[in-house]
Amino acid sequence: MSALAAWDVVPLHAPARDRSRLRLVPPAGPEPRLATRPAPLRLTHAGRLVLGLVLAVVALLVIAGAVGASRTVGVESRVVTVQAGQTLSELAVALLPELSIAEGVAQLQLANGLNTPAIHAGQRLVVPSLP
């Protein structure tokens, strides 16, 4: 036998092997819910009490603010114009003699929204009336 006769010819297209394929496996547990709405908010007894207390406190603060605002409307005060060289201490002594100098300066600052005792000529100051 010759060498050519013993040679096996391999075909160009070999048969494909049976390959294992990936398969989707369903989950072992229950199916997940999709697009569910959240449960509505439920207030417990304690939650209702806290909510009621918060609303009551807010209502009291609003009423107290309205009463406080109405009281300041009825307070009479006068306005003075600062002259050149005057200080807040001098004005406190002259305009609020029943108070100490420090208390008078503090009252003038509070009534006019001043952060410092510095004032300038021509500035108009509200002098609070004391009860």
N, C-alpha and C. Protein backbone atom coordinates (compact mmCIF):
# COMPACT_ATOMS: atom_id res chain seq x y z
N MET A 1 0.81 -1.14 0.00
CA MET A 1 0.00 0.00 0.00
C MET A 1 0.87 1.22 0.00
N SER A 2 0.39 2.11 -0.74
CA SER A 2 1.21 3.30 -0.88
C SER A 2 0.83 4.30 0.18
N ALA A 3 1.67 5.29 0.31
CA ALA A 3 1.44 6.33 1.31
C ALA A 3 0.24 7.16 0.97
N LEU A 4 -0.06 7.28 -0.32
CA LEU A 4 -1.22 8.08 -0.71
C LEU A 4 -2.51 7.38 -0.37
N ALA A 5 -2.55 6.13 -0.42
CA ALA A 5 -3.78 5.42 -0.14
C ALA A 5 -4.12 5.44 1.34
N ALA A 6 -3.13 5.55 2.21
CA ALA A 6 -3.37 5.53 3.64
C ALA A 6 -3.77 6.91 4.18
N TRP A 7 -3.63 7.88 3.38
CA TRP A 7 -3.92 9.25 3.83
C TRP A 7 -5.42 9.46 3.91
N ASP A 8 -5.94 9.90 5.02
CA ASP A 8 -7.37 10.20 5.16
C ASP A 8 -7.60 11.65 4.82
N VAL A 9 -8.57 11.89 4.04
CA VAL A 9 -8.90 13.26 3.65
C VAL A 9 -9.88 13.82 4.68
N VAL A 10 -9.57 15.00 5.16
CA VAL A 10 -10.44 15.67 6.14
C VAL A 10 -11.39 16.57 5.38
N PRO A 11 -12.68 16.45 5.60
CA PRO A 11 -13.62 17.32 4.88
C PRO A 11 -13.44 18.78 5.30
N LEU A 12 -13.75 19.71 4.36
CA LEU A 12 -13.61 21.14 4.66
C LEU A 12 -14.59 21.60 5.73
N HIS A 13 -15.78 21.12 5.71
CA HIS A 13 -16.78 21.52 6.69
C HIS A 13 -17.03 20.37 7.63
N ALA A 14 -16.40 20.47 8.78
CA ALA A 14 -16.59 19.42 9.77
C ALA A 14 -17.94 19.62 10.45
N PRO A 15 -18.62 18.60 10.84
CA PRO A 15 -19.91 18.77 11.54
C PRO A 15 -19.69 19.49 12.87
N ALA A 16 -20.58 20.41 13.16
CA ALA A 16 -20.46 21.20 14.40
C ALA A 16 -20.74 20.32 15.60
N ARG A 17 -19.98 20.56 16.66
CA ARG A 17 -20.20 19.81 17.88
C ARG A 17 -21.43 20.34 18.58
N ASP A 18 -22.06 19.52 19.32
CA ASP A 18 -23.23 19.96 20.07
C ASP A 18 -22.73 20.79 21.26
N ARG A 19 -22.91 22.12 21.18
CA ARG A 19 -22.45 23.01 22.26
C ARG A 19 -23.59 23.24 23.23
N SER A 20 -23.24 23.31 24.46
CA SER A 20 -24.28 23.66 25.44
C SER A 20 -24.53 25.16 25.36
N ARG A 21 -25.76 25.57 25.46
CA ARG A 21 -26.13 26.97 25.35
C ARG A 21 -26.57 27.49 26.72
N LEU A 22 -26.43 28.82 26.87
CA LEU A 22 -26.90 29.44 28.10
C LEU A 22 -28.42 29.50 28.09
N ARG A 23 -28.99 29.19 29.19
CA ARG A 23 -30.44 29.21 29.28
C ARG A 23 -30.86 30.08 30.45
N LEU A 24 -31.95 30.81 30.28
CA LEU A 24 -32.49 31.61 31.37
C LEU A 24 -33.23 30.70 32.33
N VAL A 25 -32.90 30.88 33.59
CA VAL A 25 -33.53 30.07 34.62
C VAL A 25 -34.42 30.99 35.45
N PRO A 26 -35.67 30.68 35.64
CA PRO A 26 -36.53 31.55 36.45
C PRO A 26 -36.07 31.55 37.90
N PRO A 27 -36.30 32.67 38.61
CA PRO A 27 -35.86 32.73 40.00
C PRO A 27 -36.63 31.73 40.85
N ALA A 28 -35.99 31.32 41.93
CA ALA A 28 -36.59 30.30 42.78
C ALA A 28 -37.73 30.87 43.62
N GLY A 29 -37.64 32.16 43.98
CA GLY A 29 -38.65 32.78 44.83
C GLY A 29 -39.83 33.29 44.03
N PRO A 30 -40.72 34.02 44.71
CA PRO A 30 -41.88 34.58 44.01
C PRO A 30 -41.44 35.68 43.04
N GLU A 31 -42.28 35.94 42.07
CA GLU A 31 -41.96 36.95 41.05
C GLU A 31 -41.93 38.33 41.69
N PRO A 32 -40.96 39.16 41.33
CA PRO A 32 -40.93 40.52 41.89
C PRO A 32 -42.05 41.37 41.30
N ARG A 33 -42.61 42.24 42.13
CA ARG A 33 -43.66 43.13 41.66
C ARG A 33 -43.02 44.32 40.96
N LEU A 34 -43.60 44.70 39.89
CA LEU A 34 -43.09 45.83 39.14
C LEU A 34 -44.09 46.97 39.21
N ALA A 35 -43.58 48.20 39.32
CA ALA A 35 -44.37 49.43 39.27
C ALA A 35 -45.50 49.42 40.30
N THR A 36 -45.15 49.12 41.53
CA THR A 36 -46.16 49.18 42.58
C THR A 36 -46.14 50.55 43.23
N ARG A 37 -47.30 51.02 43.63
CA ARG A 37 -47.39 52.31 44.31
C ARG A 37 -47.06 52.10 45.78
N PRO A 38 -46.39 53.08 46.39
CA PRO A 38 -46.10 52.93 47.82
C PRO A 38 -47.39 52.99 48.63
N ALA A 39 -47.35 52.35 49.75
CA ALA A 39 -48.53 52.34 50.62
C ALA A 39 -48.79 53.75 51.13
N PRO A 40 -50.05 54.12 51.32
CA PRO A 40 -50.34 55.46 51.83
C PRO A 40 -49.82 55.62 53.25
N LEU A 41 -49.50 56.85 53.61
CA LEU A 41 -48.96 57.14 54.93
C LEU A 41 -50.05 56.94 55.97
N ARG A 42 -49.74 56.18 56.99
CA ARG A 42 -50.70 55.94 58.05
C ARG A 42 -50.12 56.49 59.35
N LEU A 43 -50.87 57.37 59.97
CA LEU A 43 -50.43 57.95 61.23
C LEU A 43 -50.90 57.08 62.39
N THR A 44 -49.99 56.79 63.27
CA THR A 44 -50.35 56.06 64.47
C THR A 44 -50.98 57.03 65.45
N HIS A 45 -51.44 56.51 66.57
CA HIS A 45 -52.06 57.36 67.59
C HIS A 45 -51.04 58.38 68.10
N ALA A 46 -49.82 57.94 68.35
CA ALA A 46 -48.78 58.87 68.81
C ALA A 46 -48.46 59.91 67.75
N GLY A 47 -48.44 59.51 66.50
CA GLY A 47 -48.18 60.45 65.41
C GLY A 47 -49.26 61.51 65.31
N ARG A 48 -50.52 61.10 65.51
CA ARG A 48 -51.61 62.08 65.48
C ARG A 48 -51.48 63.06 66.64
N LEU A 49 -51.07 62.57 67.80
CA LEU A 49 -50.88 63.47 68.94
C LEU A 49 -49.77 64.49 68.67
N VAL A 50 -48.66 64.02 68.14
CA VAL A 50 -47.55 64.92 67.84
C VAL A 50 -47.96 65.94 66.78
N LEU A 51 -48.64 65.51 65.75
CA LEU A 51 -49.10 66.42 64.71
C LEU A 51 -50.05 67.47 65.27
N GLY A 52 -50.95 67.05 66.14
CA GLY A 52 -51.88 67.99 66.77
C GLY A 52 -51.15 69.01 67.63
N LEU A 53 -50.15 68.55 68.39
CA LEU A 53 -49.38 69.47 69.23
C LEU A 53 -48.60 70.47 68.39
N VAL A 54 -48.00 70.01 67.31
CA VAL A 54 -47.24 70.92 66.43
C VAL A 54 -48.16 71.97 65.83
N LEU A 55 -49.32 71.56 65.37
CA LEU A 55 -50.27 72.52 64.80
C LEU A 55 -50.76 73.51 65.85
N ALA A 56 -50.97 73.05 67.08
CA ALA A 56 -51.40 73.95 68.15
C ALA A 56 -50.32 74.98 68.47
N VAL A 57 -49.07 74.54 68.53
CA VAL A 57 -47.97 75.47 68.82
C VAL A 57 -47.83 76.50 67.70
N VAL A 58 -47.94 76.07 66.46
CA VAL A 58 -47.85 77.01 65.34
C VAL A 58 -48.99 78.02 65.41
N ALA A 59 -50.19 77.57 65.73
CA ALA A 59 -51.33 78.48 65.84
C ALA A 59 -51.12 79.49 66.96
N LEU A 60 -50.59 79.03 68.10
CA LEU A 60 -50.32 79.96 69.21
C LEU A 60 -49.25 80.98 68.84
N LEU A 61 -48.23 80.56 68.11
CA LEU A 61 -47.19 81.50 67.70
C LEU A 61 -47.74 82.55 66.73
N VAL A 62 -48.61 82.13 65.84
CA VAL A 62 -49.21 83.08 64.90
C VAL A 62 -50.08 84.08 65.64
N ILE A 63 -50.87 83.60 66.59
CA ILE A 63 -51.73 84.50 67.36
C ILE A 63 -50.89 85.45 68.21
N ALA A 64 -49.84 84.93 68.85
CA ALA A 64 -48.98 85.78 69.67
C ALA A 64 -48.29 86.84 68.81
N GLY A 65 -47.87 86.48 67.62
CA GLY A 65 -47.24 87.45 66.72
C GLY A 65 -48.21 88.52 66.29
N ALA A 66 -49.46 88.14 66.04
CA ALA A 66 -50.46 89.13 65.64
C ALA A 66 -50.78 90.08 66.78
N VAL A 67 -50.87 89.55 68.00
CA VAL A 67 -51.15 90.40 69.17
C VAL A 67 -49.97 91.32 69.42
N GLY A 68 -48.75 90.81 69.31
CA GLY A 68 -47.56 91.65 69.51
C GLY A 68 -47.46 92.75 68.47
N ALA A 69 -47.81 92.44 67.24
CA ALA A 69 -47.75 93.45 66.18
C ALA A 69 -48.79 94.53 66.39
N SER A 70 -49.96 94.15 66.90
CA SER A 70 -51.00 95.15 67.11
C SER A 70 -50.65 96.07 68.28
N ARG A 71 -49.91 95.58 69.24
CA ARG A 71 -49.51 96.43 70.37
C ARG A 71 -48.49 97.47 69.96
N THR A 72 -47.59 97.14 69.05
CA THR A 72 -46.57 98.10 68.66
C THR A 72 -47.15 99.21 67.80
N VAL A 73 -48.29 98.98 67.17
CA VAL A 73 -48.89 100.01 66.34
C VAL A 73 -49.40 101.15 67.20
N GLY A 74 -49.93 100.82 68.41
CA GLY A 74 -50.51 101.85 69.27
C GLY A 74 -49.49 102.63 70.07
N VAL A 75 -48.22 102.24 70.07
CA VAL A 75 -47.20 102.92 70.86
C VAL A 75 -46.85 104.23 70.17
N GLU A 76 -46.91 105.31 70.95
CA GLU A 76 -46.56 106.61 70.39
C GLU A 76 -45.06 106.82 70.54
N SER A 77 -44.47 107.37 69.54
CA SER A 77 -43.05 107.68 69.59
C SER A 77 -42.83 108.96 68.81
N ARG A 78 -41.74 109.58 69.10
CA ARG A 78 -41.42 110.81 68.38
C ARG A 78 -40.11 110.61 67.62
N VAL A 79 -39.88 111.49 66.66
CA VAL A 79 -38.69 111.40 65.82
C VAL A 79 -37.87 112.67 66.03
N VAL A 80 -36.56 112.48 66.22
CA VAL A 80 -35.65 113.61 66.36
C VAL A 80 -34.59 113.51 65.27
N THR A 81 -34.04 114.66 64.91
CA THR A 81 -32.96 114.71 63.93
C THR A 81 -31.66 114.98 64.66
N VAL A 82 -30.65 114.19 64.39
CA VAL A 82 -29.35 114.32 65.05
C VAL A 82 -28.66 115.58 64.53
N GLN A 83 -28.14 116.38 65.46
CA GLN A 83 -27.39 117.60 65.12
C GLN A 83 -25.90 117.26 65.07
N ALA A 84 -25.14 118.12 64.47
CA ALA A 84 -23.69 117.91 64.36
C ALA A 84 -23.07 117.84 65.75
N GLY A 85 -22.26 116.84 66.00
CA GLY A 85 -21.55 116.69 67.26
C GLY A 85 -22.32 115.92 68.32
N GLN A 86 -23.57 115.61 68.11
CA GLN A 86 -24.33 114.87 69.11
C GLN A 86 -23.96 113.39 69.08
N THR A 87 -24.00 112.78 70.24
CA THR A 87 -23.74 111.35 70.35
C THR A 87 -25.01 110.65 70.82
N LEU A 88 -25.02 109.37 70.69
CA LEU A 88 -26.18 108.60 71.12
C LEU A 88 -26.33 108.67 72.64
N SER A 89 -25.23 108.77 73.36
CA SER A 89 -25.28 108.90 74.82
C SER A 89 -25.92 110.22 75.21
N GLU A 90 -25.55 111.31 74.55
CA GLU A 90 -26.15 112.62 74.86
C GLU A 90 -27.65 112.60 74.58
N LEU A 91 -28.04 112.00 73.48
CA LEU A 91 -29.46 111.91 73.16
C LEU A 91 -30.21 111.05 74.18
N ALA A 92 -29.59 109.98 74.64
CA ALA A 92 -30.23 109.11 75.63
C ALA A 92 -30.45 109.87 76.94
N VAL A 93 -29.47 110.68 77.36
CA VAL A 93 -29.61 111.46 78.60
C VAL A 93 -30.71 112.50 78.43
N ALA A 94 -30.75 113.18 77.29
CA ALA A 94 -31.71 114.26 77.08
C ALA A 94 -33.13 113.74 76.82
N LEU A 95 -33.25 112.66 76.07
CA LEU A 95 -34.58 112.21 75.66
C LEU A 95 -35.18 111.14 76.55
N LEU A 96 -34.35 110.38 77.23
CA LEU A 96 -34.82 109.31 78.12
C LEU A 96 -34.19 109.48 79.51
N PRO A 97 -34.53 110.56 80.23
CA PRO A 97 -33.86 110.84 81.51
C PRO A 97 -34.20 109.83 82.60
N GLU A 98 -35.32 109.12 82.49
CA GLU A 98 -35.70 108.17 83.54
C GLU A 98 -34.88 106.88 83.49
N LEU A 99 -34.13 106.67 82.41
CA LEU A 99 -33.28 105.48 82.27
C LEU A 99 -31.83 105.84 82.50
N SER A 100 -31.03 104.81 82.83
CA SER A 100 -29.59 105.03 82.90
C SER A 100 -29.08 105.27 81.48
N ILE A 101 -27.86 105.78 81.37
CA ILE A 101 -27.31 106.08 80.05
C ILE A 101 -27.23 104.81 79.19
N ALA A 102 -26.73 103.73 79.78
CA ALA A 102 -26.58 102.48 79.02
C ALA A 102 -27.94 101.95 78.56
N GLU A 103 -28.95 102.01 79.45
CA GLU A 103 -30.28 101.53 79.08
C GLU A 103 -30.90 102.43 78.01
N GLY A 104 -30.69 103.75 78.13
CA GLY A 104 -31.22 104.68 77.14
C GLY A 104 -30.60 104.45 75.77
N VAL A 105 -29.29 104.25 75.74
CA VAL A 105 -28.60 103.97 74.47
C VAL A 105 -29.13 102.67 73.86
N ALA A 106 -29.30 101.65 74.71
CA ALA A 106 -29.81 100.36 74.22
C ALA A 106 -31.22 100.51 73.66
N GLN A 107 -32.08 101.29 74.33
CA GLN A 107 -33.45 101.50 73.84
C GLN A 107 -33.45 102.23 72.50
N LEU A 108 -32.60 103.24 72.36
CA LEU A 108 -32.50 103.96 71.09
C LEU A 108 -31.99 103.05 69.97
N GLN A 109 -31.01 102.22 70.30
CA GLN A 109 -30.49 101.29 69.29
C GLN A 109 -31.56 100.28 68.86
N LEU A 110 -32.31 99.75 69.82
CA LEU A 110 -33.35 98.79 69.48
C LEU A 110 -34.47 99.43 68.65
N ALA A 111 -34.86 100.65 69.02
CA ALA A 111 -35.96 101.31 68.32
C ALA A 111 -35.58 101.68 66.89
N ASN A 112 -34.29 101.87 66.62
CA ASN A 112 -33.86 102.32 65.30
C ASN A 112 -33.09 101.27 64.52
N GLY A 113 -32.93 100.08 65.08
CA GLY A 113 -32.22 99.02 64.37
C GLY A 113 -30.74 99.31 64.18
N LEU A 114 -30.13 99.94 65.18
CA LEU A 114 -28.70 100.27 65.09
C LEU A 114 -27.88 99.14 65.69
N ASN A 115 -26.79 98.80 65.02
CA ASN A 115 -25.88 97.77 65.54
C ASN A 115 -24.76 98.39 66.37
N THR A 116 -24.46 99.64 66.12
CA THR A 116 -23.38 100.34 66.83
C THR A 116 -23.93 101.66 67.36
N PRO A 117 -23.22 102.27 68.32
CA PRO A 117 -23.68 103.56 68.82
C PRO A 117 -23.31 104.72 67.90
N ALA A 118 -22.75 104.46 66.75
CA ALA A 118 -22.33 105.52 65.84
C ALA A 118 -23.54 106.10 65.11
N ILE A 119 -23.68 107.43 65.16
CA ILE A 119 -24.73 108.13 64.43
C ILE A 119 -24.10 109.31 63.70
N HIS A 120 -24.80 109.91 62.75
CA HIS A 120 -24.25 111.04 62.01
C HIS A 120 -25.27 112.17 61.95
N ALA A 121 -24.79 113.36 61.69
CA ALA A 121 -25.65 114.55 61.65
C ALA A 121 -26.68 114.40 60.54
N GLY A 122 -27.92 114.78 60.84
CA GLY A 122 -28.99 114.69 59.87
C GLY A 122 -29.76 113.38 59.93
N GLN A 123 -29.25 112.43 60.67
CA GLN A 123 -29.94 111.14 60.80
C GLN A 123 -31.19 111.31 61.66
N ARG A 124 -32.27 110.68 61.25
CA ARG A 124 -33.52 110.77 62.01
C ARG A 124 -33.63 109.53 62.89
N LEU A 125 -33.88 109.75 64.17
CA LEU A 125 -33.99 108.66 65.13
C LEU A 125 -35.37 108.65 65.76
N VAL A 126 -35.91 107.47 65.93
CA VAL A 126 -37.18 107.29 66.64
C VAL A 126 -36.86 107.17 68.12
N VAL A 127 -37.54 107.97 68.93
CA VAL A 127 -37.37 107.91 70.38
C VAL A 127 -38.55 107.11 70.93
N PRO A 128 -38.29 105.95 71.52
CA PRO A 128 -39.40 105.13 72.01
C PRO A 128 -40.02 105.74 73.26
N SER A 129 -41.34 105.62 73.37
CA SER A 129 -41.99 106.07 74.59
C SER A 129 -42.02 104.89 75.55
N LEU A 130 -41.72 105.17 76.79
CA LEU A 130 -41.66 104.11 77.79
C LEU A 130 -42.97 104.06 78.55
N PRO A 131 -43.44 102.88 78.90
CA PRO A 131 -44.70 102.76 79.63
C PRO A 131 -44.61 103.25 81.06
